[in-house]
Amino acid sequence: MQLDSRPAVVDCALYVGGVRQPDDLPLGALYERARERPDAFVWIGLHEPDPEQFADVEKVFGLHPLAVEDALNPSPQRPKVERYEDVTFFVVRTARYLPHAELTETSEVIDTGSVRVFLGGHFVVTVRHGEASELRAARQDLEANPAHLAAGPWAVLHAILDRIVDAYLAIVTAFDTDVQELEKAVFRRNSGISIEHVYQLKRELMEFRTAAVPLQRPLLTLLDKQTFALAKEIRRYFRDVNDHETRVVEQVVNHDDILNSILQARLAQVTIDQNDDMRKIASWAALAALQTAIAGVYGMNFVFMPELHWRYGYFYALALMLGSGLLLHRALRRNGWL
């Protein structure tokens, strides 16, 4: 299919028996050819199309307006699977890990996007939003495996979900390194790790959790034999994806628990540091108050006050202030206040 006039179209091809055909025809003609054979289908992939660019696709495949509205909406949507007569509409969130030299209070760790997929008897339409959902590699892998691609549109959906969930696994592995480094640093003196650092990583984890965890339910719906009568072999592939998704969910929950513990530990450290500061301030205030009290007493200038007219009274007062201060300072240090 000619792509120059449709910049939103990333790729479009007719597949027969799992083999890509060299036909360079309009979309409608490709779909007519696909409907002539039971082992043929058309796969068109689009990136952030507008309604005008998607109008031909909607018309050729007879897509439901509600599903089209969801497909074109760029805002994040919860993963889901819906049936519109003979067409299945699937929404999945994508994510990618953003490498960073060090974690800061504003570090972006996770970038998310989405893929919306229409599945029919002889067609697949993928609508991609964001940069974290590139599907070209998935198409190339499928084209290199005609036996699997021959399973039709459901094989395409499996390849997309498998690649997305594998990306999830890579993210939780990289995230685990960040969490471990943060855990080590937070218990190290003068590490420079603040509550804001911990909260930023937790917020990035929540963004990833919102994208990855809700995929469990649509996958379980696909595996429900009463809802989707999938072939035994393709169901086995989806079950494998679901197993990987379960591992992702478990890791996300573990990371969230660890970050909560780190956050509580850092808050406890801040409280302890504040208490230490308050004790030091109180100690120095006590030292100053003692000197002030002695000076205040000797500054009253009573006529019959002892040592007031003594020749060495001034030096005695200074020695008393110094000696009492040293004794109090020693006592405070011995008890850990200074």
Protein backbone atom coordinates (compact mmCIF):
# COMPACT_ATOMS: atom_id res chain seq x y z
CA MET A 1 0.00 0.00 0.00
CA GLN A 2 1.23 3.52 -0.84
CA LEU A 3 2.19 5.32 2.41
CA ASP A 4 3.48 8.70 1.22
CA SER A 5 0.08 10.39 1.24
CA ARG A 6 -0.82 9.02 4.70
CA PRO A 7 1.92 9.95 7.20
CA ALA A 8 -0.06 8.39 10.05
CA VAL A 9 0.23 4.95 8.43
CA VAL A 10 3.40 3.23 9.61
CA ASP A 11 2.92 0.02 7.63
CA CYS A 12 0.17 -1.86 5.84
CA ALA A 13 0.32 -5.30 4.24
CA LEU A 14 -1.68 -8.32 3.16
CA TYR A 15 -0.65 -11.68 4.67
CA VAL A 16 -1.62 -15.02 3.17
CA GLY A 17 -0.73 -18.19 5.06
CA GLY A 18 1.61 -16.16 7.28
CA VAL A 19 3.56 -14.71 4.33
CA ARG A 20 3.57 -11.02 3.47
CA GLN A 21 2.34 -10.30 -0.04
CA PRO A 22 4.00 -7.72 -2.28
CA ASP A 23 0.66 -6.26 -3.40
CA ASP A 24 0.72 -2.45 -3.57
CA LEU A 25 -3.00 -1.69 -3.57
CA PRO A 26 -5.41 0.65 -1.78
CA LEU A 27 -6.62 -0.52 1.63
CA GLY A 28 -10.08 -1.46 0.38
CA ALA A 29 -8.65 -3.65 -2.39
CA LEU A 30 -6.28 -5.38 0.04
CA TYR A 31 -9.18 -6.16 2.36
CA GLU A 32 -11.25 -7.58 -0.52
CA ARG A 33 -8.40 -9.92 -1.40
CA ALA A 34 -8.04 -10.97 2.22
CA ARG A 35 -11.73 -11.89 2.45
CA GLU A 36 -11.36 -14.21 -0.53
CA ARG A 37 -9.16 -16.63 1.43
CA PRO A 38 -9.62 -18.09 4.93
CA ASP A 39 -5.90 -17.82 5.73
CA ALA A 40 -5.47 -14.18 4.70
CA PHE A 41 -5.73 -10.90 6.61
CA VAL A 42 -4.67 -7.27 6.38
CA TRP A 43 -2.58 -5.59 9.08
CA ILE A 44 -2.44 -1.81 9.07
CA GLY A 45 -0.50 0.05 11.73
CA LEU A 46 -1.05 3.75 12.47
CA HIS A 47 0.68 6.22 14.77
CA GLU A 48 -1.46 8.92 16.38
CA PRO A 49 -3.88 9.37 13.45
CA ASP A 50 -6.47 12.13 13.41
CA PRO A 51 -10.14 11.47 12.57
CA GLU A 52 -9.66 12.44 8.94
CA GLN A 53 -6.74 10.06 8.50
CA PHE A 54 -8.66 7.26 10.21
CA ALA A 55 -11.90 7.78 8.28
CA ASP A 56 -10.97 5.39 5.45
CA VAL A 57 -9.93 2.68 7.90
CA GLU A 58 -13.20 3.03 9.81
CA LYS A 59 -15.21 2.81 6.60
CA VAL A 60 -13.35 -0.12 5.04
CA PHE A 61 -13.50 -2.36 8.12
CA GLY A 62 -16.86 -1.14 9.45
CA LEU A 63 -15.53 -0.24 12.90
CA HIS A 64 -17.91 0.77 15.68
CA PRO A 65 -17.95 4.55 16.36
CA LEU A 66 -17.49 4.09 20.12
CA ALA A 67 -14.40 1.97 19.60
CA VAL A 68 -13.08 4.45 17.04
CA GLU A 69 -13.55 7.28 19.53
CA ASP A 70 -11.52 5.36 22.11
CA ALA A 71 -8.85 4.51 19.56
CA LEU A 72 -8.30 8.11 18.51
CA ASN A 73 -8.37 9.56 22.03
CA PRO A 74 -4.72 10.22 22.98
CA SER A 75 -5.38 10.40 26.72
CA PRO A 76 -4.36 7.34 28.80
CA GLN A 77 -7.01 4.64 29.02
CA ARG A 78 -7.33 1.65 31.29
CA PRO A 79 -6.43 -1.66 29.57
CA LYS A 80 -9.58 -3.42 28.42
CA VAL A 81 -11.07 -5.82 25.88
CA GLU A 82 -14.50 -5.28 24.30
CA ARG A 83 -16.58 -7.07 21.68
CA TYR A 84 -18.42 -5.18 18.94
CA GLU A 85 -20.24 -7.96 17.07
CA ASP A 86 -17.48 -9.63 15.02
CA VAL A 87 -14.79 -7.12 15.97
CA THR A 88 -12.69 -7.26 19.15
CA PHE A 89 -11.25 -4.03 20.51
CA PHE A 90 -8.24 -4.26 22.83
CA VAL A 91 -6.53 -1.44 24.73
CA VAL A 92 -3.12 -1.97 26.32
CA ARG A 93 -0.78 0.52 27.98
CA THR A 94 2.88 0.48 26.99
CA ALA A 95 5.90 1.59 28.97
CA ARG A 96 9.63 2.03 28.62
CA TYR A 97 12.44 2.62 31.09
CA LEU A 98 14.38 5.87 30.77
CA PRO A 99 18.04 5.39 31.76
CA HIS A 100 19.47 8.04 34.10
CA ALA A 101 22.90 8.68 35.57
CA GLU A 102 21.51 9.36 39.04
CA LEU A 103 18.15 9.70 40.71
CA THR A 104 17.10 13.27 41.35
CA GLU A 105 13.98 14.91 42.72
CA THR A 106 12.66 15.33 39.15
CA SER A 107 14.04 12.25 37.39
CA GLU A 108 11.72 10.70 34.80
CA VAL A 109 12.15 6.95 35.04
CA ILE A 110 9.07 5.66 33.19
CA ASP A 111 7.57 6.79 29.89
CA THR A 112 4.17 5.40 28.96
CA GLY A 113 2.07 5.15 25.83
CA SER A 114 -0.69 2.93 24.51
CA VAL A 115 -1.74 0.64 21.70
CA ARG A 116 -5.35 0.15 20.62
CA VAL A 117 -6.02 -2.93 18.51
CA PHE A 118 -9.00 -3.86 16.32
CA LEU A 119 -9.27 -7.55 15.48
CA GLY A 120 -11.59 -8.90 12.82
CA GLY A 121 -11.81 -12.14 10.90
CA HIS A 122 -9.52 -10.84 8.16
CA PHE A 123 -7.93 -7.68 9.52
CA VAL A 124 -5.86 -6.15 12.30
CA VAL A 125 -5.74 -2.41 12.94
CA THR A 126 -3.20 -1.10 15.45
CA VAL A 127 -3.34 2.51 16.62
CA ARG A 128 -0.27 3.59 18.54
CA HIS A 129 0.01 6.60 20.88
CA GLY A 130 3.26 7.78 22.40
CA GLU A 131 6.86 6.80 21.82
CA ALA A 132 6.87 3.84 24.21
CA SER A 133 4.95 1.54 21.91
CA GLU A 134 6.97 0.94 18.75
CA LEU A 135 5.62 -2.13 16.91
CA ARG A 136 7.91 -2.40 13.92
CA ALA A 137 10.09 -4.99 15.64
CA ALA A 138 7.03 -7.07 16.54
CA ARG A 139 5.95 -7.08 12.89
CA GLN A 140 9.43 -8.09 11.74
CA ASP A 141 9.58 -10.93 14.27
CA LEU A 142 6.20 -12.20 13.11
CA GLU A 143 7.14 -12.01 9.45
CA ALA A 144 10.23 -14.07 10.28
CA ASN A 145 7.94 -16.76 11.76
CA PRO A 146 5.28 -17.49 9.11
CA ALA A 147 4.06 -20.59 10.95
CA HIS A 148 2.94 -18.50 13.90
CA LEU A 149 1.70 -15.61 11.77
CA ALA A 150 -0.48 -18.09 9.86
CA ALA A 151 -2.69 -18.25 12.98
CA GLY A 152 -4.12 -14.94 11.83
CA PRO A 153 -5.07 -11.73 13.66
CA TRP A 154 -4.91 -13.38 17.10
CA ALA A 155 -1.26 -14.21 16.48
CA VAL A 156 -0.67 -10.50 15.87
CA LEU A 157 -2.36 -9.59 19.14
CA HIS A 158 -0.25 -12.18 20.96
CA ALA A 159 2.96 -10.79 19.46
CA ILE A 160 2.02 -7.26 20.51
CA LEU A 161 1.09 -8.26 24.06
CA ASP A 162 4.13 -10.50 24.40
CA ARG A 163 6.49 -7.69 23.42
CA ILE A 164 4.76 -5.19 25.70
CA VAL A 165 4.78 -7.52 28.71
CA ASP A 166 8.43 -8.44 28.05
CA ALA A 167 9.13 -4.70 28.17
CA TYR A 168 7.35 -4.64 31.53
CA LEU A 169 9.69 -7.37 32.80
CA ALA A 170 12.72 -5.40 31.63
CA ILE A 171 11.39 -2.33 33.43
CA VAL A 172 10.87 -4.10 36.78
CA THR A 173 14.40 -5.51 36.51
CA ALA A 174 15.89 -2.07 35.92
CA PHE A 175 13.62 -0.60 38.58
CA ASP A 176 14.86 -3.19 41.04
CA THR A 177 18.38 -1.79 40.61
CA ASP A 178 17.12 1.74 41.34
CA VAL A 179 15.30 0.56 44.46
CA GLN A 180 18.36 -1.31 45.76
CA GLU A 181 20.63 1.69 45.19
CA LEU A 182 18.13 3.95 46.94
CA GLU A 183 17.84 1.50 49.83
CA LYS A 184 21.61 1.46 50.30
CA ALA A 185 21.93 5.22 50.07
CA VAL A 186 19.14 6.07 52.50
CA PHE A 187 20.94 4.26 55.34
CA ARG A 188 24.30 5.82 54.50
CA ARG A 189 25.40 8.92 56.40
CA ASN A 190 25.56 12.09 54.32
CA SER A 191 24.23 10.30 51.23
CA GLY A 192 22.25 13.32 50.07
CA ILE A 193 19.08 11.26 49.67
CA SER A 194 15.99 13.22 50.66
CA ILE A 195 12.34 12.35 51.06
CA GLU A 196 11.74 14.00 47.68
CA HIS A 197 14.06 11.45 45.99
CA VAL A 198 12.13 8.54 47.46
CA TYR A 199 8.77 10.09 46.63
CA GLN A 200 9.82 10.77 43.02
CA LEU A 201 10.77 7.13 42.48
CA LYS A 202 7.51 6.03 44.13
CA ARG A 203 5.54 8.33 41.84
CA GLU A 204 7.26 6.86 38.78
CA LEU A 205 6.45 3.38 40.06
CA MET A 206 2.80 4.37 40.43
CA GLU A 207 2.75 5.55 36.81
CA PHE A 208 4.12 2.19 35.72
CA ARG A 209 1.70 0.36 38.02
CA THR A 210 -1.25 2.18 36.47
CA ALA A 211 -0.10 1.04 33.04
CA ALA A 212 0.91 -2.55 33.75
CA VAL A 213 -1.20 -4.01 36.55
CA PRO A 214 -4.70 -3.51 35.01
CA LEU A 215 -3.69 -5.64 32.01
CA GLN A 216 -4.31 -8.74 34.12
CA ARG A 217 -8.07 -8.57 33.78
CA PRO A 218 -8.24 -8.32 29.95
CA LEU A 219 -5.77 -11.21 29.69
CA LEU A 220 -7.93 -13.36 31.95
CA THR A 221 -10.94 -12.42 29.82
CA LEU A 222 -9.11 -13.63 26.70
CA LEU A 223 -8.38 -16.93 28.43
CA ASP A 224 -12.04 -17.42 29.36
CA LYS A 225 -13.33 -20.10 26.98
CA GLN A 226 -16.91 -18.95 27.37
CA THR A 227 -16.03 -15.43 26.23
CA PHE A 228 -13.46 -16.09 23.49
CA ALA A 229 -13.39 -19.36 21.56
CA LEU A 230 -9.69 -19.24 20.71
CA ALA A 231 -7.75 -22.10 19.20
CA LYS A 232 -5.97 -24.28 21.74
CA GLU A 233 -2.49 -23.35 20.48
CA ILE A 234 -3.05 -19.59 20.47
CA ARG A 235 -4.66 -19.84 23.93
CA ARG A 236 -1.45 -21.46 25.16
CA TYR A 237 0.51 -18.45 23.92
CA PHE A 238 -1.79 -16.03 25.72
CA ARG A 239 -1.46 -18.10 28.90
CA ASP A 240 2.31 -17.65 28.70
CA VAL A 241 1.84 -13.87 28.40
CA ASN A 242 -0.46 -13.96 31.42
CA ASP A 243 2.20 -15.82 33.44
CA HIS A 244 4.73 -13.09 32.62
CA GLU A 245 2.18 -10.43 33.52
CA THR A 246 1.66 -12.09 36.91
CA ARG A 247 5.40 -11.87 37.59
CA VAL A 248 5.32 -8.18 36.69
CA VAL A 249 2.45 -7.52 39.09
CA GLU A 250 4.24 -9.34 41.92
CA GLN A 251 7.42 -7.34 41.34
CA VAL A 252 5.52 -4.05 41.24
CA VAL A 253 3.82 -4.86 44.56
CA ASN A 254 7.20 -5.79 46.10
CA HIS A 255 8.81 -2.58 44.89
CA ASP A 256 5.93 -0.54 46.23
CA ASP A 257 6.25 -2.20 49.66
CA ILE A 258 10.02 -1.60 49.73
CA LEU A 259 9.63 2.05 48.74
CA ASN A 260 7.03 2.50 51.47
CA SER A 261 9.50 1.03 53.97
CA ILE A 262 12.31 3.26 52.68
CA LEU A 263 10.04 6.30 52.90
CA GLN A 264 9.09 5.45 56.49
CA ALA A 265 12.74 4.85 57.38
CA ARG A 266 13.77 8.19 55.87
CA LEU A 267 10.99 9.96 57.76
CA ALA A 268 12.17 8.30 60.96
CA GLN A 269 15.72 9.46 60.22
CA VAL A 270 14.52 13.01 59.68
CA THR A 271 12.63 12.89 62.99
CA ILE A 272 15.70 11.57 64.81
CA ASP A 273 17.91 14.24 63.23
CA GLN A 274 15.43 16.91 64.28
CA ASN A 275 15.37 15.55 67.83
CA ASP A 276 19.17 15.56 67.92
CA ASP A 277 19.19 19.15 66.74
CA MET A 278 16.64 20.13 69.35
CA ARG A 279 18.70 18.46 72.11
CA LYS A 280 21.82 20.30 70.99
CA ILE A 281 19.96 23.61 70.90
CA ALA A 282 18.52 22.92 74.36
CA SER A 283 21.98 22.01 75.68
CA TRP A 284 23.59 25.19 74.45
CA ALA A 285 20.64 27.14 75.77
CA ALA A 286 21.15 25.53 79.19
CA LEU A 287 24.83 26.50 79.15
CA ALA A 288 23.95 30.06 78.25
CA ALA A 289 21.20 30.16 80.88
CA LEU A 290 23.63 29.02 83.60
CA GLN A 291 26.09 31.80 82.79
CA THR A 292 23.27 34.29 82.58
CA ALA A 293 21.97 33.22 85.99
CA ILE A 294 25.38 33.63 87.67
CA ALA A 295 25.99 36.97 85.98
CA GLY A 296 22.49 38.08 86.91
CA VAL A 297 22.98 37.26 90.57
CA TYR A 298 26.28 39.14 90.77
CA GLY A 299 24.82 42.02 88.84
CA MET A 300 22.22 42.82 91.51
CA ASN A 301 24.66 45.02 93.45
CA PHE A 302 23.16 44.46 96.88
CA VAL A 303 25.08 46.33 99.63
CA PHE A 304 25.48 43.31 101.88
CA MET A 305 26.02 40.77 99.08
CA PRO A 306 28.93 38.40 99.85
CA GLU A 307 32.09 38.94 97.83
CA LEU A 308 30.71 42.18 96.40
CA HIS A 309 33.53 44.24 97.94
CA TRP A 310 36.02 41.38 97.91
CA ARG A 311 39.22 42.12 96.00
CA TYR A 312 39.02 38.87 94.05
CA GLY A 313 35.24 38.73 93.66
CA TYR A 314 35.29 39.47 89.93
CA PHE A 315 37.77 36.69 89.19
CA TYR A 316 35.85 34.37 91.50
CA ALA A 317 32.66 35.02 89.50
CA LEU A 318 34.42 34.34 86.21
CA ALA A 319 35.93 31.13 87.57
CA LEU A 320 32.54 30.05 88.86
CA MET A 321 30.93 30.68 85.49
CA LEU A 322 33.70 28.85 83.62
CA GLY A 323 33.83 25.92 86.03
CA SER A 324 30.08 25.39 86.18
CA GLY A 325 29.87 25.67 82.41
CA LEU A 326 32.58 23.03 81.91
CA LEU A 327 30.92 20.66 84.37
CA LEU A 328 27.53 21.06 82.67
CA HIS A 329 29.08 20.66 79.20
CA ARG A 330 30.81 17.45 80.32
CA ALA A 331 27.57 16.09 81.77
CA LEU A 332 25.65 16.86 78.59
CA ARG A 333 28.27 15.21 76.38
CA ARG A 334 28.35 12.14 78.60
CA ASN A 335 24.57 11.76 78.13
CA GLY A 336 24.72 12.24 74.38
CA TRP A 337 23.14 15.66 74.19
CA LEU A 338 26.20 17.31 72.67
